PDB file of N, CA and C in Angstrom:
ATOM      1  N   MET A   1       0.689  -1.516  -0.110  1.00  0.00           N
ATOM      2  CA  MET A   1       0.039  -0.011  -0.126  1.00  0.00           C
ATOM      3  C   MET A   1       0.766   1.043  -0.117  1.00  0.00           C
ATOM      4  N   LYS A   2       0.464   2.442  -1.025  1.00  0.00           N
ATOM      5  CA  LYS A   2       1.289   3.331  -0.815  1.00  0.00           C
ATOM      6  C   LYS A   2       0.241   4.543  -0.512  1.00  0.00           C
ATOM      7  N   VAL A   3       0.487   5.579   0.293  1.00  0.00           N
ATOM      8  CA  VAL A   3       0.018   6.757   0.132  1.00  0.00           C
ATOM      9  C   VAL A   3       0.871   7.886  -0.523  1.00  0.00           C
ATOM     10  N   VAL A   4      -0.242   8.367  -0.933  1.00  0.00           N
ATOM     11  CA  VAL A   4       0.800   9.826  -1.654  1.00  0.00           C
ATOM     12  C   VAL A   4      -0.200  11.100  -1.126  1.00  0.00           C
ATOM     13  N   TYR A   5       0.187  12.382  -0.967  1.00  0.00           N
ATOM     14  CA  TYR A   5      -0.729  13.747  -0.779  1.00  0.00           C
ATOM     15  C   TYR A   5      -0.151  14.853  -2.061  1.00  0.00           C
ATOM     16  N   ASN A   6      -0.772  15.395  -2.838  1.00  0.00           N
ATOM     17  CA  ASN A   6      -0.760  16.264  -3.497  1.00  0.00           C
ATOM     18  C   ASN A   6      -1.359  17.313  -2.786  1.00  0.00           C
ATOM     19  N   ARG A   7      -0.403  18.549  -2.469  1.00  0.00           N
ATOM     20  CA  ARG A   7      -0.466  19.188  -1.568  1.00  0.00           C
ATOM     21  C   ARG A   7      -1.094  20.517  -2.690  1.00  0.00           C
ATOM     22  N   GLU A   8      -0.520  20.396  -3.702  1.00  0.00           N
ATOM     23  CA  GLU A   8      -1.224  21.520  -4.890  1.00  0.00           C
ATOM     24  C   GLU A   8      -2.526  21.411  -5.147  1.00  0.00           C
ATOM     25  N   ASP A   9      -3.028  19.984  -5.209  1.00  0.00           N
ATOM     26  CA  ASP A   9      -4.707  19.823  -5.628  1.00  0.00           C
ATOM     27  C   ASP A   9      -5.220  19.470  -4.614  1.00  0.00           C
ATOM     28  N   ASP A  10      -4.831  19.249  -3.254  1.00  0.00           N
ATOM     29  CA  ASP A  10      -5.218  18.787  -2.147  1.00  0.00           C
ATOM     30  C   ASP A  10      -6.233  17.614  -1.988  1.00  0.00           C
ATOM     31  N   VAL A  11      -4.968  16.342  -2.957  1.00  0.00           N
ATOM     32  CA  VAL A  11      -6.006  14.859  -3.077  1.00  0.00           C
ATOM     33  C   VAL A  11      -4.485  13.877  -2.305  1.00  0.00           C
ATOM     34  N   LEU A  12      -5.493  13.482  -1.525  1.00  0.00           N
ATOM     35  CA  LEU A  12      -4.694  12.028  -0.949  1.00  0.00           C
ATOM     36  C   LEU A  12      -5.126  10.777  -2.069  1.00  0.00           C
ATOM     37  N   MET A  13      -3.969  10.270  -2.291  1.00  0.00           N
ATOM     38  CA  MET A  13      -4.449   9.203  -2.829  1.00  0.00           C
ATOM     39  C   MET A  13      -3.647   7.809  -2.352  1.00  0.00           C
ATOM     40  N   VAL A  14      -4.185   6.819  -2.176  1.00  0.00           N
ATOM     41  CA  VAL A  14      -4.106   5.352  -1.369  1.00  0.00           C
ATOM     42  C   VAL A  14      -4.195   4.094  -2.277  1.00  0.00           C
ATOM     43  N   GLU A  15      -2.748   3.881  -3.134  1.00  0.00           N
ATOM     44  CA  GLU A  15      -2.687   3.148  -3.804  1.00  0.00           C
ATOM     45  C   GLU A  15      -2.837   1.505  -2.971  1.00  0.00           C
ATOM     46  N   VAL A  16      -4.054   0.765  -3.128  1.00  0.00           N
ATOM     47  CA  VAL A  16      -3.936  -0.670  -2.503  1.00  0.00           C
ATOM     48  C   VAL A  16      -3.465  -1.288  -3.077  1.00  0.00           C
ATOM     49  N   LEU A  17      -3.747  -1.312  -4.463  1.00  0.00           N
ATOM     50  CA  LEU A  17      -3.290  -2.899  -5.213  1.00  0.00           C
ATOM     51  C   LEU A  17      -2.132  -2.113  -6.107  1.00  0.00           C
ATOM     52  N   PRO A  18      -1.096  -1.390  -6.264  1.00  0.00           N
ATOM     53  CA  PRO A  18      -0.798  -0.779  -7.084  1.00  0.00           C
ATOM     54  C   PRO A  18      -0.321  -1.559  -8.340  1.00  0.00           C
ATOM     55  N   GLU A  19       0.260  -2.722  -8.558  1.00  0.00           N
ATOM     56  CA  GLU A  19       0.074  -3.566  -9.928  1.00  0.00           C
ATOM     57  C   GLU A  19      -0.917  -3.859 -10.434  1.00  0.00           C
ATOM     58  N   ALA A  20      -1.955  -3.433  -9.778  1.00  0.00           N
ATOM     59  CA  ALA A  20      -3.320  -4.163 -10.591  1.00  0.00           C
ATOM     60  C   ALA A  20      -3.684  -2.826 -11.792  1.00  0.00           C
ATOM     61  N   PRO A  21      -4.273  -3.510 -13.313  1.00  0.00           N
ATOM     62  CA  PRO A  21      -4.998  -2.229 -13.737  1.00  0.00           C
ATOM     63  C   PRO A  21      -6.122  -1.503 -13.369  1.00  0.00           C
ATOM     64  N   ILE A  22      -6.159  -1.010 -13.638  1.00  0.00           N
ATOM     65  CA  ILE A  22      -7.903   0.243 -13.304  1.00  0.00           C
ATOM     66  C   ILE A  22      -8.684  -0.439 -14.239  1.00  0.00           C
ATOM     67  N   ASP A  23      -9.904  -0.767 -14.298  1.00  0.00           N
ATOM     68  CA  ASP A  23     -10.837  -0.968 -15.503  1.00  0.00           C
ATOM     69  C   ASP A  23     -11.643   0.562 -15.017  1.00  0.00           C
ATOM     70  N   HIS A  24     -12.259   0.396 -14.275  1.00  0.00           N
ATOM     71  CA  HIS A  24     -12.952   1.996 -13.872  1.00  0.00           C
ATOM     72  C   HIS A  24     -12.969   2.748 -12.992  1.00  0.00           C
ATOM     73  N   ALA A  25     -13.702   3.932 -12.478  1.00  0.00           N
ATOM     74  CA  ALA A  25     -14.003   4.186 -11.304  1.00  0.00           C
ATOM     75  C   ALA A  25     -15.052   5.043 -11.099  1.00  0.00           C
ATOM     76  N   GLU A  26     -15.426   5.071  -9.606  1.00  0.00           N
ATOM     77  CA  GLU A  26     -16.927   5.867  -9.321  1.00  0.00           C
ATOM     78  C   GLU A  26     -16.337   6.444  -8.229  1.00  0.00           C
ATOM     79  N   GLN A  27     -17.314   7.855  -8.530  1.00  0.00           N
ATOM     80  CA  GLN A  27     -17.481   8.622  -7.745  1.00  0.00           C
ATOM     81  C   GLN A  27     -18.645   9.184  -6.900  1.00  0.00           C
ATOM     82  N   VAL A  28     -18.337   9.551  -5.320  1.00  0.00           N
ATOM     83  CA  VAL A  28     -19.083   9.200  -4.445  1.00  0.00           C
ATOM     84  C   VAL A  28     -18.353  10.593  -3.607  1.00  0.00           C
ATOM     85  N   GLY A  29     -19.267  12.392  -3.920  1.00  0.00           N
ATOM     86  CA  GLY A  29     -18.959  12.667  -3.124  1.00  0.00           C
ATOM     87  C   GLY A  29     -17.498  13.565  -3.566  1.00  0.00           C
ATOM     88  N   SER A  30     -16.668  13.417  -2.238  1.00  0.00           N
ATOM     89  CA  SER A  30     -15.273  13.940  -2.649  1.00  0.00           C
ATOM     90  C   SER A  30     -14.007  12.328  -2.895  1.00  0.00           C
ATOM     91  N   LEU A  31     -15.051  11.702  -2.745  1.00  0.00           N
ATOM     92  CA  LEU A  31     -14.110  10.115  -3.033  1.00  0.00           C
ATOM     93  C   LEU A  31     -14.352   9.657  -4.631  1.00  0.00           C
ATOM     94  N   ILE A  32     -13.224   9.176  -4.972  1.00  0.00           N
ATOM     95  CA  ILE A  32     -13.441   8.472  -6.268  1.00  0.00           C
ATOM     96  C   ILE A  32     -12.386   7.233  -6.114  1.00  0.00           C
ATOM     97  N   VAL A  33     -12.920   6.319  -6.066  1.00  0.00           N
ATOM     98  CA  VAL A  33     -13.142   4.758  -5.944  1.00  0.00           C
ATOM     99  C   VAL A  33     -12.338   4.239  -7.274  1.00  0.00           C
ATOM    100  N   HIS A  34     -11.151   3.547  -7.511  1.00  0.00           N
ATOM    101  CA  HIS A  34     -10.696   2.759  -8.961  1.00  0.00           C
ATOM    102  C   HIS A  34     -10.654   1.501  -8.488  1.00  0.00           C
ATOM    103  N   PHE A  35     -11.222   0.691  -9.192  1.00  0.00           N
ATOM    104  CA  PHE A  35     -11.681  -0.858  -9.455  1.00  0.00           C
ATOM    105  C   PHE A  35     -10.869  -1.493 -10.929  1.00  0.00           C
ATOM    106  N   SER A  36     -10.271  -2.715 -10.091  1.00  0.00           N
ATOM    107  CA  SER A  36      -9.695  -3.441 -11.500  1.00  0.00           C
ATOM    108  C   SER A  36     -11.109  -4.385 -11.904  1.00  0.00           C
ATOM    109  N   PRO A  37     -10.523  -5.005 -13.401  1.00  0.00           N
ATOM    110  CA  PRO A  37     -11.670  -5.587 -14.201  1.00  0.00           C
ATOM    111  C   PRO A  37     -12.616  -6.547 -13.325  1.00  0.00           C
ATOM    112  N   ASP A  38     -12.017  -7.236 -12.396  1.00  0.00           N
ATOM    113  CA  ASP A  38     -12.464  -8.604 -11.018  1.00  0.00           C
ATOM    114  C   ASP A  38     -13.032  -7.683  -9.840  1.00  0.00           C
ATOM    115  N   GLU A  39     -13.066  -6.230 -10.001  1.00  0.00           N
ATOM    116  CA  GLU A  39     -13.810  -5.471  -9.202  1.00  0.00           C
ATOM    117  C   GLU A  39     -13.034  -5.264  -7.620  1.00  0.00           C
ATOM    118  N   GLN A  40     -11.988  -5.428  -7.912  1.00  0.00           N
ATOM    119  CA  GLN A  40     -10.989  -5.329  -6.673  1.00  0.00           C
ATOM    120  C   GLN A  40     -10.586  -3.706  -6.374  1.00  0.00           C
ATOM    121  N   LEU A  41     -10.761  -3.397  -5.335  1.00  0.00           N
ATOM    122  CA  LEU A  41      -9.845  -1.828  -5.288  1.00  0.00           C
ATOM    123  C   LEU A  41      -8.630  -1.831  -5.330  1.00  0.00           C
ATOM    124  N   VAL A  42      -8.452  -0.699  -6.197  1.00  0.00           N
ATOM    125  CA  VAL A  42      -6.650  -0.639  -6.730  1.00  0.00           C
ATOM    126  C   VAL A  42      -6.771   0.905  -6.307  1.00  0.00           C
ATOM    127  N   LEU A  43      -7.298   1.808  -6.293  1.00  0.00           N
ATOM    128  CA  LEU A  43      -7.214   3.324  -5.984  1.00  0.00           C
ATOM    129  C   LEU A  43      -8.272   3.958  -5.102  1.00  0.00           C
ATOM    130  N   LEU A  44      -7.544   4.636  -3.924  1.00  0.00           N
ATOM    131  CA  LEU A  44      -8.659   5.559  -4.045  1.00  0.00           C
ATOM    132  C   LEU A  44      -8.549   7.269  -3.705  1.00  0.00           C
ATOM    133  N   GLU A  45      -9.409   7.562  -4.396  1.00  0.00           N
ATOM    134  CA  GLU A  45      -8.576   9.364  -4.318  1.00  0.00           C
ATOM    135  C   GLU A  45      -9.639  10.260  -3.219  1.00  0.00           C
ATOM    136  N   ILE A  46      -8.869  10.910  -2.389  1.00  0.00           N
ATOM    137  CA  ILE A  46      -9.965  11.736  -1.291  1.00  0.00           C
ATOM    138  C   ILE A  46      -9.610  13.047  -1.981  1.00  0.00           C
ATOM    139  N   LEU A  47     -10.568  13.758  -2.823  1.00  0.00           N
ATOM    140  CA  LEU A  47     -10.211  14.859  -2.850  1.00  0.00           C
ATOM    141  C   LEU A  47     -10.847  15.821  -1.771  1.00  0.00           C
ATOM    142  N   GLN A  48     -10.141  17.093  -1.961  1.00  0.00           N
ATOM    143  CA  GLN A  48     -10.515  18.541  -0.341  1.00  0.00           C
ATOM    144  C   GLN A  48     -10.025  17.273   0.598  1.00  0.00           C
ATOM    145  N   ALA A  49      -8.730  17.024   0.460  1.00  0.00           N
ATOM    146  CA  ALA A  49      -8.368  16.148   1.305  1.00  0.00           C
ATOM    147  C   ALA A  49      -8.390  16.557   3.030  1.00  0.00           C
ATOM    148  N   SER A  50      -7.642  17.504   2.792  1.00  0.00           N
ATOM    149  CA  SER A  50      -7.269  18.340   4.097  1.00  0.00           C
ATOM    150  C   SER A  50      -8.291  18.504   5.196  1.00  0.00           C
ATOM    151  N   LYS A  51     -10.337  19.103   4.195  1.00  0.00           N
ATOM    152  CA  LYS A  51     -11.143  19.407   4.496  1.00  0.00           C
ATOM    153  C   LYS A  51     -11.585  17.861   4.941  1.00  0.00           C
ATOM    154  N   PHE A  52     -11.449  16.501   4.066  1.00  0.00           N
ATOM    155  CA  PHE A  52     -12.040  15.191   4.736  1.00  0.00           C
ATOM    156  C   PHE A  52     -11.173  15.039   6.138  1.00  0.00           C
ATOM    157  N   LEU A  53      -9.854  15.443   6.068  1.00  0.00           N
ATOM    158  CA  LEU A  53      -9.039  14.909   7.116  1.00  0.00           C
ATOM    159  C   LEU A  53      -9.338  15.299   8.648  1.00  0.00           C
ATOM    160  N   SER A  54      -9.895  16.859   8.283  1.00  0.00           N
ATOM    161  CA  SER A  54     -10.450  17.243   9.588  1.00  0.00           C
ATOM    162  C   SER A  54     -11.527  17.069  10.156  1.00  0.00           C
ATOM    163  N   THR A  55     -12.364  17.030   9.222  1.00  0.00           N
ATOM    164  CA  THR A  55     -13.608  16.525   9.276  1.00  0.00           C
ATOM    165  C   THR A  55     -13.620  14.836  10.248  1.00  0.00           C
ATOM    166  N   MET A  56     -12.446  13.966   9.721  1.00  0.00           N
ATOM    167  CA  MET A  56     -12.428  12.577  10.004  1.00  0.00           C
ATOM    168  C   MET A  56     -11.867  12.746  11.817  1.00  0.00           C
ATOM    169  N   ILE A  57     -10.786  13.871  11.732  1.00  0.00           N
ATOM    170  CA  ILE A  57     -10.467  13.974  13.109  1.00  0.00           C
ATOM    171  C   ILE A  57     -11.263  14.778  14.244  1.00  0.00           C
ATOM    172  N   GLU A  58     -11.710  15.420  13.787  1.00  0.00           N
ATOM    173  CA  GLU A  58     -12.619  16.129  14.589  1.00  0.00           C
ATOM    174  C   GLU A  58     -14.081  15.016  15.502  1.00  0.00           C
ATOM    175  N   ALA A  59     -14.541  14.244  14.128  1.00  0.00           N
ATOM    176  CA  ALA A  59     -15.809  13.186  14.226  1.00  0.00           C
ATOM    177  C   ALA A  59     -15.050  11.951  15.643  1.00  0.00           C
ATOM    178  N   GLY A  60     -13.440  11.756  14.897  1.00  0.00           N
ATOM    179  CA  GLY A  60     -12.976  10.860  15.970  1.00  0.00           C
ATOM    180  C   GLY A  60     -12.896  11.044  17.474  1.00  0.00           C
ATOM    181  N   LEU A  61     -12.357  12.635  17.704  1.00  0.00           N
ATOM    182  CA  LEU A  61     -12.355  13.085  18.669  1.00  0.00           C
ATOM    183  C   LEU A  61     -13.687  13.601  20.042  1.00  0.00           C
ATOM    184  N   ARG A  62     -14.661  13.507  18.803  1.00  0.00           N
ATOM    185  CA  ARG A  62     -16.059  13.592  19.441  1.00  0.00           C
ATOM    186  C   ARG A  62     -16.692  12.378  19.881  1.00  0.00           C
ATOM    187  N   GLY A  63     -15.947  11.247  19.195  1.00  0.00           N
ATOM    188  CA  GLY A  63     -16.457   9.706  19.682  1.00  0.00           C
ATOM    189  C   GLY A  63     -17.615   9.245  18.383  1.00  0.00           C
ATOM    190  N   GLN A  64     -17.691  10.261  17.133  1.00  0.00           N
ATOM    191  CA  GLN A  64     -18.867   9.683  16.352  1.00  0.00           C
ATOM    192  C   GLN A  64     -18.631   8.420  15.506  1.00  0.00           C
ATOM    193  N   ALA A  65     -19.096   7.753  15.883  1.00  0.00           N
ATOM    194  CA  ALA A  65     -19.112   6.577  15.113  1.00  0.00           C
ATOM    195  C   ALA A  65     -19.016   6.428  13.410  1.00  0.00           C
ATOM    196  N   GLU A  66     -20.196   7.192  12.848  1.00  0.00           N
ATOM    197  CA  GLU A  66     -20.332   7.404  11.262  1.00  0.00           C
ATOM    198  C   GLU A  66     -20.280   8.919  10.726  1.00  0.00           C
ATOM    199  N   ILE A  67     -19.715   8.985   9.538  1.00  0.00           N
ATOM    200  CA  ILE A  67     -19.529  10.365   9.075  1.00  0.00           C
ATOM    201  C   ILE A  67     -20.196  10.196   7.818  1.00  0.00           C
ATOM    202  N   ALA A  68     -21.034  11.161   7.738  1.00  0.00           N
ATOM    203  CA  ALA A  68     -21.014  10.899   6.130  1.00  0.00           C
ATOM    204  C   ALA A  68     -20.342  11.597   4.851  1.00  0.00           C
ATOM    205  N   PRO A  69     -20.556  11.207   3.963  1.00  0.00           N
ATOM    206  CA  PRO A  69     -19.091  11.507   2.982  1.00  0.00           C
ATOM    207  C   PRO A  69     -19.381  13.475   2.512  1.00  0.00           C
ATOM    208  N   LEU A  70     -18.347  13.558   2.394  1.00  0.00           N
ATOM    209  CA  LEU A  70     -18.567  15.283   2.103  1.00  0.00           C
ATOM    210  C   LEU A  70     -18.920  15.301   0.536  1.00  0.00           C
ATOM    211  N   SER A  71     -19.757  16.163   0.227  1.00  0.00           N
ATOM    212  CA  SER A  71     -20.115  16.331  -1.093  1.00  0.00           C
ATOM    213  C   SER A  71     -18.701  17.306  -1.834  1.00  0.00           C
ATOM    214  N   SER A  72     -18.717  17.104  -3.008  1.00  0.00           N
ATOM    215  CA  SER A  72     -17.728  17.825  -3.584  1.00  0.00           C
ATOM    216  C   SER A  72     -18.259  19.442  -4.158  1.00  0.00           C
TER     217      SER A  72
END
């Protein structure tokens, strides 16, 4: 697994299967999930990453169990 942050674009990329080919992607709010031809998670992109991470940290400190996805 590889994690890369692009500060200029504020995008956090998590490569789960870096060697697998990407077949298609689906976007939900600020998350883009890339899948292989056999539907395995290959890459996760988090747009507006600083906002997303701030929300996650705040929710964790408050003890919230569920967090709604951010809209783009």
